Protein backbone atom coordinates (compact mmCIF):
# COMPACT_ATOMS: atom_id res chain seq x y z
CA MET A 1 9.96 -3.59 31.78
CA SER A 2 12.19 -4.82 29.33
CA SER A 3 11.88 -7.37 26.91
CA ASP A 4 15.09 -9.67 26.33
CA ALA A 5 13.23 -10.95 22.79
CA PRO A 6 14.96 -9.94 20.03
CA VAL A 7 14.06 -7.68 17.62
CA PRO A 8 12.71 -8.74 14.06
CA LEU A 9 14.85 -7.67 11.30
CA PRO A 10 13.52 -6.80 8.16
CA ARG A 11 14.22 -8.64 4.96
CA THR A 12 16.30 -5.44 3.42
CA ALA A 13 18.58 -4.89 6.30
CA VAL A 14 21.95 -6.13 6.96
CA PRO A 15 22.68 -8.05 9.94
CA LEU A 16 25.34 -7.14 12.60
CA GLY A 17 28.57 -8.40 13.71
CA ILE A 18 29.40 -10.47 10.45
CA THR A 19 32.48 -10.78 10.71
CA ASP A 20 32.95 -13.04 7.54
CA PRO A 21 33.62 -11.14 4.39
CA VAL A 22 31.88 -13.64 2.28
CA GLU A 23 28.83 -13.82 4.59
CA GLN A 24 29.03 -10.14 4.63
CA ALA A 25 28.48 -9.84 0.35
CA ARG A 26 25.63 -12.26 0.62
CA ALA A 27 23.57 -10.60 3.49
CA GLU A 28 24.51 -7.38 1.96
CA LEU A 29 23.11 -9.28 -1.63
CA LYS A 30 20.45 -10.98 -0.07
CA ALA A 31 19.06 -7.83 1.34
CA ALA A 32 19.94 -5.35 -2.01
CA LEU A 33 17.55 -8.21 -3.81
CA ALA A 34 15.10 -7.92 -1.19
CA ALA A 35 15.01 -3.79 -1.57
CA ILE A 36 14.63 -3.97 -5.19
CA GLU A 37 11.64 -6.47 -5.41
CA GLU A 38 9.97 -4.26 -2.54
CA LYS A 39 10.59 -1.34 -4.94
CA ALA A 40 9.86 -2.99 -7.77
CA ASN A 41 6.87 -5.12 -7.11
CA VAL A 42 3.82 -2.57 -8.23
CA PRO A 43 0.95 -4.79 -7.79
CA ARG A 44 1.93 -5.73 -3.83
CA ARG A 45 2.02 -1.48 -3.46
CA VAL A 46 -0.83 -0.98 -4.77
CA GLY A 47 -2.41 -3.60 -2.75
CA ARG A 48 -1.40 -2.47 0.10
CA VAL A 49 -2.53 1.29 -0.51
CA VAL A 50 -6.05 0.05 -1.77
CA ASP A 51 -5.97 -2.17 1.43
CA GLU A 52 -5.62 1.27 3.64
CA ARG A 53 -7.81 3.56 2.02
CA VAL A 54 -10.27 0.53 2.57
CA ALA A 55 -9.62 0.31 5.67
CA GLN A 56 -9.59 3.82 5.71
CA ALA A 57 -13.61 4.18 3.97
CA ARG A 58 -14.82 1.77 6.72
CA ALA A 59 -13.67 3.41 9.87
CA PHE A 60 -15.62 7.01 7.80
CA ASN A 61 -18.20 4.73 7.18
CA ARG A 62 -19.02 3.74 11.09
CA ARG A 63 -17.85 6.99 12.43
CA ASN A 64 -20.68 8.91 10.01
CA PRO A 65 -23.21 6.88 7.56
CA ALA A 66 -25.17 9.45 6.55
CA MET A 67 -22.04 11.23 5.89
CA ALA A 68 -20.72 8.36 3.91
CA ALA A 69 -24.10 8.01 1.84
CA VAL A 70 -24.11 11.15 0.59
CA VAL A 71 -20.22 10.86 -0.35
CA VAL A 72 -21.52 7.60 -2.45
CA VAL A 73 -24.91 9.11 -4.16
CA VAL A 74 -22.63 12.50 -4.78
CA SER A 75 -19.76 10.24 -6.62
CA ALA A 76 -22.30 8.12 -8.40
CA VAL A 77 -23.80 11.26 -9.94
CA ALA A 78 -20.62 12.89 -10.76
CA ILE A 79 -19.62 9.58 -12.76
CA GLY A 80 -22.99 9.39 -14.09
CA ALA A 81 -22.61 13.18 -15.75
CA ALA A 82 -19.04 12.42 -16.66
CA VAL A 83 -19.76 9.04 -18.36
CA TRP A 84 -23.45 10.73 -20.14
CA GLY A 85 -21.07 13.57 -21.35
CA ALA A 86 -18.43 11.74 -22.80
CA VAL A 87 -20.99 9.65 -24.58
CA ARG A 88 -22.56 12.35 -25.92
CA LEU A 89 -19.35 14.06 -27.24
CA TYR A 90 -18.35 10.95 -29.26
CA THR A 91 -21.68 10.52 -30.68
CA ARG A 92 -22.37 13.89 -31.76
């Protein structure tokens, strides 16, 4: 059951079959600029990673809510102890 629908081309790819050299150069430039934008856009990349991690945390919470609660409490205690220790060192 094969589909004849065209496969979507990524923004960073150059389409095949361009015979005009000017059009080929424009397509390559467009793809190169898109690749640079993808690579240099750190906030977007960080946002994608954060979204993936949030989805993983929610899935973990759905699978094992008790362990997720333990992880939250232990993390809060560790962060609180680190802040307390840093303030204590600073005030001495």
